[in-house]
Amino acid sequence: MNQKLSSIVDQLKELTLLEAAELVKEIEVTFGIDTSVSVASIGTGAISQSPPPIVEAVEEKTSFEVILSDVPSDKKIAILKVVRNVTGLGLKESKDIVDNIPKLLKEGVSKEESETIKKEIESSGGKVIIK
């Protein structure tokens, strides 16, 4: 390494972390480059100037609403029992839900819990919508 490069390396070793960050910003501005997108190629050791592919994170829904959508008249009592069990409400409140469909049974539940509620209602003859 020649004397000029050796001198620069020695000066870089003496920089504080804050000064090094400022230096990187200044180099980016001066030379019009973005150091955050340079990627070293593992196989060849070459540096690629193309940005890495952008991968959008798909947000998975974690909170669901369970809505009672259909109650056949001959299955009301069986569904009423499930609604009481699922919601923890009394007989009158549960009957109001069953009689006034579509009605929200539970909100803010996990996917597993919503699927369990759906299976219970459907096995009793009712229909549920999960949103």
N, C-alpha and C. Protein backbone atom coordinates (compact mmCIF):
# COMPACT_ATOMS: atom_id res chain seq x y z
N MET A 1 0.86 -1.17 0.00
CA MET A 1 0.00 0.00 0.00
C MET A 1 0.91 1.24 0.00
N ASN A 2 0.51 2.23 -0.83
CA ASN A 2 1.37 3.42 -0.89
C ASN A 2 1.16 4.32 0.33
N GLN A 3 1.99 5.30 0.46
CA GLN A 3 2.03 6.18 1.64
C GLN A 3 0.71 6.95 1.81
N LYS A 4 0.11 7.40 0.72
CA LYS A 4 -1.13 8.18 0.78
C LYS A 4 -2.26 7.33 1.37
N LEU A 5 -2.41 6.11 0.86
CA LEU A 5 -3.47 5.22 1.35
C LEU A 5 -3.22 4.82 2.80
N SER A 6 -2.00 4.57 3.14
CA SER A 6 -1.64 4.21 4.50
C SER A 6 -2.00 5.34 5.47
N SER A 7 -1.77 6.56 5.06
CA SER A 7 -2.09 7.73 5.88
C SER A 7 -3.60 7.84 6.09
N ILE A 8 -4.36 7.61 5.03
CA ILE A 8 -5.83 7.67 5.13
C ILE A 8 -6.35 6.59 6.08
N VAL A 9 -5.82 5.39 5.95
CA VAL A 9 -6.24 4.28 6.82
C VAL A 9 -5.93 4.61 8.28
N ASP A 10 -4.78 5.17 8.54
CA ASP A 10 -4.40 5.55 9.91
C ASP A 10 -5.35 6.60 10.47
N GLN A 11 -5.73 7.56 9.63
CA GLN A 11 -6.67 8.59 10.06
C GLN A 11 -8.06 8.00 10.34
N LEU A 12 -8.47 7.03 9.53
CA LEU A 12 -9.76 6.38 9.73
C LEU A 12 -9.80 5.61 11.05
N LYS A 13 -8.70 5.03 11.42
CA LYS A 13 -8.62 4.28 12.67
C LYS A 13 -8.83 5.17 13.88
N GLU A 14 -8.50 6.44 13.75
CA GLU A 14 -8.60 7.37 14.87
C GLU A 14 -9.98 8.02 15.00
N LEU A 15 -10.88 7.81 14.03
CA LEU A 15 -12.20 8.43 14.06
C LEU A 15 -13.08 7.80 15.14
N THR A 16 -13.92 8.66 15.72
CA THR A 16 -14.93 8.14 16.64
C THR A 16 -16.07 7.58 15.79
N LEU A 17 -16.98 6.86 16.42
CA LEU A 17 -18.11 6.28 15.71
C LEU A 17 -18.98 7.37 15.09
N LEU A 18 -19.19 8.45 15.80
CA LEU A 18 -19.98 9.56 15.29
C LEU A 18 -19.31 10.20 14.07
N GLU A 19 -18.01 10.38 14.16
CA GLU A 19 -17.27 10.96 13.04
C GLU A 19 -17.30 10.04 11.83
N ALA A 20 -17.20 8.74 12.06
CA ALA A 20 -17.24 7.77 10.96
C ALA A 20 -18.61 7.82 10.26
N ALA A 21 -19.69 7.94 11.04
CA ALA A 21 -21.03 8.04 10.46
C ALA A 21 -21.17 9.30 9.62
N GLU A 22 -20.63 10.42 10.13
CA GLU A 22 -20.67 11.67 9.37
C GLU A 22 -19.86 11.55 8.08
N LEU A 23 -18.73 10.86 8.15
CA LEU A 23 -17.89 10.66 6.97
C LEU A 23 -18.64 9.87 5.90
N VAL A 24 -19.34 8.83 6.31
CA VAL A 24 -20.11 8.02 5.36
C VAL A 24 -21.18 8.87 4.68
N LYS A 25 -21.88 9.69 5.47
CA LYS A 25 -22.91 10.57 4.90
C LYS A 25 -22.29 11.55 3.90
N GLU A 26 -21.16 12.11 4.25
CA GLU A 26 -20.49 13.06 3.36
C GLU A 26 -20.03 12.40 2.07
N ILE A 27 -19.53 11.17 2.16
CA ILE A 27 -19.11 10.43 0.96
C ILE A 27 -20.32 10.15 0.07
N GLU A 28 -21.45 9.79 0.68
CA GLU A 28 -22.67 9.53 -0.09
C GLU A 28 -23.11 10.78 -0.85
N VAL A 29 -23.08 11.93 -0.16
CA VAL A 29 -23.49 13.19 -0.80
C VAL A 29 -22.51 13.60 -1.88
N THR A 30 -21.23 13.55 -1.58
CA THR A 30 -20.20 14.01 -2.50
C THR A 30 -20.17 13.18 -3.78
N PHE A 31 -20.26 11.86 -3.65
CA PHE A 31 -20.12 10.99 -4.81
C PHE A 31 -21.46 10.47 -5.35
N GLY A 32 -22.56 10.88 -4.72
CA GLY A 32 -23.89 10.48 -5.20
C GLY A 32 -24.14 8.98 -5.12
N ILE A 33 -23.70 8.36 -4.06
CA ILE A 33 -23.91 6.91 -3.91
C ILE A 33 -24.69 6.64 -2.64
N ASP A 34 -25.26 5.45 -2.58
CA ASP A 34 -25.99 5.03 -1.38
C ASP A 34 -25.29 3.78 -0.86
N THR A 35 -24.59 3.91 0.23
CA THR A 35 -23.81 2.79 0.76
C THR A 35 -24.68 1.70 1.36
N SER A 36 -25.94 1.98 1.61
CA SER A 36 -26.81 0.96 2.20
C SER A 36 -27.27 -0.08 1.19
N VAL A 37 -27.09 0.17 -0.12
CA VAL A 37 -27.55 -0.79 -1.12
C VAL A 37 -26.43 -1.58 -1.78
N SER A 38 -25.19 -1.33 -1.44
CA SER A 38 -24.09 -2.09 -2.02
C SER A 38 -24.08 -3.48 -1.39
N VAL A 39 -24.03 -4.50 -2.25
CA VAL A 39 -24.07 -5.87 -1.77
C VAL A 39 -22.87 -6.62 -2.32
N ALA A 40 -22.11 -7.26 -1.46
CA ALA A 40 -20.97 -8.04 -1.91
C ALA A 40 -21.45 -9.39 -2.40
N SER A 41 -20.99 -9.76 -3.57
CA SER A 41 -21.34 -11.06 -4.12
C SER A 41 -20.45 -12.12 -3.49
N ILE A 42 -21.04 -13.11 -2.87
CA ILE A 42 -20.29 -14.11 -2.13
C ILE A 42 -19.41 -14.96 -3.04
N GLY A 43 -19.94 -15.35 -4.18
CA GLY A 43 -19.19 -16.25 -5.06
C GLY A 43 -17.99 -15.63 -5.71
N THR A 44 -18.10 -14.37 -6.15
CA THR A 44 -17.02 -13.76 -6.90
C THR A 44 -16.23 -12.73 -6.13
N GLY A 45 -16.80 -12.25 -5.03
CA GLY A 45 -16.13 -11.20 -4.27
C GLY A 45 -16.35 -9.83 -4.89
N ALA A 46 -17.11 -9.74 -5.96
CA ALA A 46 -17.37 -8.47 -6.63
C ALA A 46 -18.50 -7.74 -5.91
N ILE A 47 -18.53 -6.42 -6.08
CA ILE A 47 -19.57 -5.62 -5.45
C ILE A 47 -20.59 -5.23 -6.51
N SER A 48 -21.83 -5.44 -6.20
CA SER A 48 -22.93 -5.10 -7.10
C SER A 48 -23.50 -3.76 -6.69
N GLN A 49 -23.76 -2.88 -7.63
CA GLN A 49 -24.34 -1.59 -7.33
C GLN A 49 -25.85 -1.60 -7.42
N SER A 50 -26.45 -2.72 -7.80
CA SER A 50 -27.91 -2.78 -7.88
C SER A 50 -28.49 -3.01 -6.49
N PRO A 51 -29.61 -2.37 -6.22
CA PRO A 51 -30.21 -2.52 -4.89
C PRO A 51 -30.77 -3.92 -4.70
N PRO A 52 -30.84 -4.38 -3.46
CA PRO A 52 -31.43 -5.69 -3.22
C PRO A 52 -32.91 -5.66 -3.54
N PRO A 53 -33.49 -6.80 -3.88
CA PRO A 53 -34.91 -6.80 -4.21
C PRO A 53 -35.75 -6.40 -2.99
N ILE A 54 -36.78 -5.62 -3.27
CA ILE A 54 -37.65 -5.16 -2.20
C ILE A 54 -38.71 -6.22 -1.95
N VAL A 55 -38.77 -6.66 -0.73
CA VAL A 55 -39.76 -7.66 -0.35
C VAL A 55 -40.72 -7.00 0.62
N GLU A 56 -41.97 -6.89 0.21
CA GLU A 56 -42.96 -6.28 1.08
C GLU A 56 -43.45 -7.30 2.07
N ALA A 57 -43.45 -6.91 3.31
CA ALA A 57 -43.94 -7.80 4.35
C ALA A 57 -45.46 -7.83 4.31
N VAL A 58 -46.00 -9.01 4.26
CA VAL A 58 -47.45 -9.16 4.28
C VAL A 58 -47.86 -9.33 5.73
N GLU A 59 -48.66 -8.40 6.17
CA GLU A 59 -49.08 -8.44 7.56
C GLU A 59 -50.17 -9.48 7.72
N GLU A 60 -49.90 -10.43 8.56
CA GLU A 60 -50.87 -11.49 8.80
C GLU A 60 -51.84 -11.02 9.87
N LYS A 61 -53.11 -11.24 9.59
CA LYS A 61 -54.14 -10.82 10.52
C LYS A 61 -54.09 -11.71 11.76
N THR A 62 -54.13 -11.09 12.93
CA THR A 62 -54.04 -11.85 14.18
C THR A 62 -55.28 -11.72 15.04
N SER A 63 -56.16 -10.82 14.70
CA SER A 63 -57.36 -10.59 15.49
C SER A 63 -58.58 -10.73 14.59
N PHE A 64 -59.54 -11.55 15.02
CA PHE A 64 -60.69 -11.85 14.18
C PHE A 64 -62.00 -11.56 14.91
N GLU A 65 -63.06 -11.35 14.11
CA GLU A 65 -64.41 -11.20 14.63
C GLU A 65 -65.20 -12.43 14.21
N VAL A 66 -66.01 -12.95 15.13
CA VAL A 66 -66.85 -14.10 14.83
C VAL A 66 -68.29 -13.60 14.86
N ILE A 67 -68.98 -13.76 13.72
CA ILE A 67 -70.34 -13.26 13.57
C ILE A 67 -71.28 -14.43 13.31
N LEU A 68 -72.31 -14.54 14.12
CA LEU A 68 -73.34 -15.56 13.92
C LEU A 68 -74.22 -15.08 12.78
N SER A 69 -74.28 -15.85 11.68
CA SER A 69 -74.98 -15.37 10.49
C SER A 69 -76.27 -16.11 10.17
N ASP A 70 -76.42 -17.35 10.64
CA ASP A 70 -77.64 -18.10 10.31
C ASP A 70 -77.95 -19.09 11.43
N VAL A 71 -79.22 -19.09 11.83
CA VAL A 71 -79.69 -20.01 12.86
C VAL A 71 -81.00 -20.61 12.38
N PRO A 72 -81.00 -21.89 11.96
CA PRO A 72 -82.25 -22.54 11.59
C PRO A 72 -83.17 -22.63 12.81
N SER A 73 -84.46 -22.44 12.59
CA SER A 73 -85.40 -22.40 13.71
C SER A 73 -85.42 -23.69 14.52
N ASP A 74 -85.19 -24.83 13.90
CA ASP A 74 -85.21 -26.09 14.63
C ASP A 74 -83.90 -26.34 15.39
N LYS A 75 -82.89 -25.49 15.23
CA LYS A 75 -81.59 -25.66 15.89
C LYS A 75 -81.30 -24.55 16.91
N LYS A 76 -82.28 -23.70 17.19
CA LYS A 76 -82.04 -22.54 18.05
C LYS A 76 -81.55 -22.92 19.44
N ILE A 77 -82.12 -23.93 20.04
CA ILE A 77 -81.76 -24.29 21.42
C ILE A 77 -80.32 -24.79 21.48
N ALA A 78 -79.93 -25.65 20.53
CA ALA A 78 -78.56 -26.16 20.51
C ALA A 78 -77.56 -25.03 20.29
N ILE A 79 -77.88 -24.13 19.37
CA ILE A 79 -76.98 -22.99 19.08
C ILE A 79 -76.95 -22.03 20.27
N LEU A 80 -78.08 -21.83 20.93
CA LEU A 80 -78.15 -20.99 22.11
C LEU A 80 -77.20 -21.48 23.19
N LYS A 81 -77.13 -22.78 23.39
CA LYS A 81 -76.22 -23.36 24.38
C LYS A 81 -74.76 -23.07 24.02
N VAL A 82 -74.44 -23.19 22.74
CA VAL A 82 -73.06 -22.92 22.29
C VAL A 82 -72.74 -21.44 22.47
N VAL A 83 -73.68 -20.56 22.12
CA VAL A 83 -73.47 -19.12 22.25
C VAL A 83 -73.23 -18.76 23.71
N ARG A 84 -74.00 -19.33 24.62
CA ARG A 84 -73.80 -19.07 26.05
C ARG A 84 -72.42 -19.53 26.50
N ASN A 85 -72.01 -20.69 26.02
CA ASN A 85 -70.71 -21.25 26.39
C ASN A 85 -69.57 -20.39 25.84
N VAL A 86 -69.70 -19.95 24.60
CA VAL A 86 -68.64 -19.18 23.93
C VAL A 86 -68.52 -17.77 24.50
N THR A 87 -69.66 -17.12 24.71
CA THR A 87 -69.63 -15.71 25.12
C THR A 87 -69.60 -15.51 26.63
N GLY A 88 -70.08 -16.49 27.36
CA GLY A 88 -70.16 -16.34 28.81
C GLY A 88 -71.33 -15.47 29.24
N LEU A 89 -72.25 -15.19 28.33
CA LEU A 89 -73.41 -14.37 28.63
C LEU A 89 -74.51 -15.21 29.28
N GLY A 90 -75.47 -14.52 29.84
CA GLY A 90 -76.62 -15.18 30.43
C GLY A 90 -77.59 -15.66 29.36
N LEU A 91 -78.65 -16.32 29.82
CA LEU A 91 -79.63 -16.90 28.90
C LEU A 91 -80.33 -15.83 28.06
N LYS A 92 -80.77 -14.74 28.70
CA LYS A 92 -81.50 -13.68 27.98
C LYS A 92 -80.62 -13.03 26.91
N GLU A 93 -79.37 -12.68 27.28
CA GLU A 93 -78.47 -12.03 26.33
C GLU A 93 -78.12 -12.96 25.17
N SER A 94 -77.90 -14.23 25.48
CA SER A 94 -77.59 -15.21 24.43
C SER A 94 -78.78 -15.40 23.50
N LYS A 95 -80.00 -15.41 24.07
CA LYS A 95 -81.21 -15.55 23.25
C LYS A 95 -81.37 -14.35 22.32
N ASP A 96 -81.05 -13.16 22.83
CA ASP A 96 -81.11 -11.95 21.99
C ASP A 96 -80.17 -12.06 20.79
N ILE A 97 -78.98 -12.62 21.01
CA ILE A 97 -78.03 -12.80 19.91
C ILE A 97 -78.58 -13.77 18.88
N VAL A 98 -79.09 -14.90 19.34
CA VAL A 98 -79.59 -15.94 18.44
C VAL A 98 -80.82 -15.45 17.67
N ASP A 99 -81.67 -14.65 18.32
CA ASP A 99 -82.89 -14.17 17.68
C ASP A 99 -82.66 -13.01 16.72
N ASN A 100 -81.55 -12.30 16.85
CA ASN A 100 -81.30 -11.09 16.05
C ASN A 100 -80.05 -11.23 15.21
N ILE A 101 -80.04 -12.19 14.30
CA ILE A 101 -78.87 -12.42 13.46
C ILE A 101 -78.93 -11.53 12.24
N PRO A 102 -77.84 -11.20 11.61
CA PRO A 102 -76.45 -11.49 11.98
C PRO A 102 -76.04 -10.67 13.19
N LYS A 103 -75.27 -11.29 14.06
CA LYS A 103 -74.87 -10.67 15.31
C LYS A 103 -73.44 -11.05 15.66
N LEU A 104 -72.68 -10.09 16.16
CA LEU A 104 -71.30 -10.31 16.55
C LEU A 104 -71.28 -11.17 17.82
N LEU A 105 -70.58 -12.31 17.74
CA LEU A 105 -70.44 -13.17 18.93
C LEU A 105 -69.24 -12.76 19.75
N LYS A 106 -68.10 -12.65 19.09
CA LYS A 106 -66.85 -12.32 19.77
C LYS A 106 -65.96 -11.54 18.83
N GLU A 107 -65.19 -10.61 19.39
CA GLU A 107 -64.23 -9.87 18.59
C GLU A 107 -62.88 -9.89 19.26
N GLY A 108 -61.83 -9.71 18.44
CA GLY A 108 -60.47 -9.69 18.96
C GLY A 108 -59.97 -11.07 19.37
N VAL A 109 -60.47 -12.11 18.73
CA VAL A 109 -60.05 -13.47 19.09
C VAL A 109 -58.99 -13.96 18.11
N SER A 110 -58.23 -14.94 18.54
CA SER A 110 -57.18 -15.51 17.69
C SER A 110 -57.80 -16.37 16.59
N LYS A 111 -56.99 -16.70 15.61
CA LYS A 111 -57.47 -17.53 14.51
C LYS A 111 -57.92 -18.89 15.02
N GLU A 112 -57.14 -19.48 15.93
CA GLU A 112 -57.48 -20.79 16.46
C GLU A 112 -58.82 -20.76 17.20
N GLU A 113 -59.00 -19.72 18.04
CA GLU A 113 -60.25 -19.62 18.80
C GLU A 113 -61.43 -19.39 17.88
N SER A 114 -61.25 -18.56 16.85
CA SER A 114 -62.35 -18.31 15.92
C SER A 114 -62.73 -19.58 15.16
N GLU A 115 -61.74 -20.39 14.79
CA GLU A 115 -62.02 -21.65 14.11
C GLU A 115 -62.75 -22.63 15.04
N THR A 116 -62.37 -22.65 16.30
CA THR A 116 -63.03 -23.52 17.28
C THR A 116 -64.49 -23.12 17.44
N ILE A 117 -64.74 -21.82 17.57
CA ILE A 117 -66.12 -21.33 17.71
C ILE A 117 -66.92 -21.70 16.48
N LYS A 118 -66.33 -21.50 15.31
CA LYS A 118 -67.02 -21.82 14.06
C LYS A 118 -67.41 -23.30 14.01
N LYS A 119 -66.50 -24.18 14.39
CA LYS A 119 -66.79 -25.62 14.38
C LYS A 119 -67.92 -25.95 15.34
N GLU A 120 -67.92 -25.34 16.53
CA GLU A 120 -68.96 -25.61 17.51
C GLU A 120 -70.33 -25.16 17.01
N ILE A 121 -70.39 -23.97 16.45
CA ILE A 121 -71.67 -23.44 15.93
C ILE A 121 -72.16 -24.28 14.76
N GLU A 122 -71.25 -24.60 13.84
CA GLU A 122 -71.65 -25.37 12.66
C GLU A 122 -72.05 -26.80 13.02
N SER A 123 -71.43 -27.38 14.03
CA SER A 123 -71.82 -28.73 14.44
C SER A 123 -73.21 -28.72 15.09
N SER A 124 -73.64 -27.54 15.57
CA SER A 124 -74.97 -27.40 16.16
C SER A 124 -76.01 -27.01 15.11
N GLY A 125 -75.58 -26.74 13.89
CA GLY A 125 -76.51 -26.43 12.80
C GLY A 125 -76.52 -24.98 12.36
N GLY A 126 -75.74 -24.13 12.98
CA GLY A 126 -75.71 -22.71 12.61
C GLY A 126 -74.59 -22.40 11.64
N LYS A 127 -74.55 -21.13 11.23
CA LYS A 127 -73.48 -20.67 10.33
C LYS A 127 -72.81 -19.45 10.93
N VAL A 128 -71.49 -19.37 10.69
CA VAL A 128 -70.67 -18.29 11.25
C VAL A 128 -69.83 -17.67 10.15
N ILE A 129 -69.62 -16.36 10.27
CA ILE A 129 -68.72 -15.64 9.38
C ILE A 129 -67.54 -15.18 10.23
N ILE A 130 -66.32 -15.40 9.74
CA ILE A 130 -65.13 -14.93 10.44
C ILE A 130 -64.52 -13.81 9.62
N LYS A 131 -64.36 -12.65 10.26
CA LYS A 131 -63.76 -11.49 9.57
C LYS A 131 -62.47 -11.12 10.26
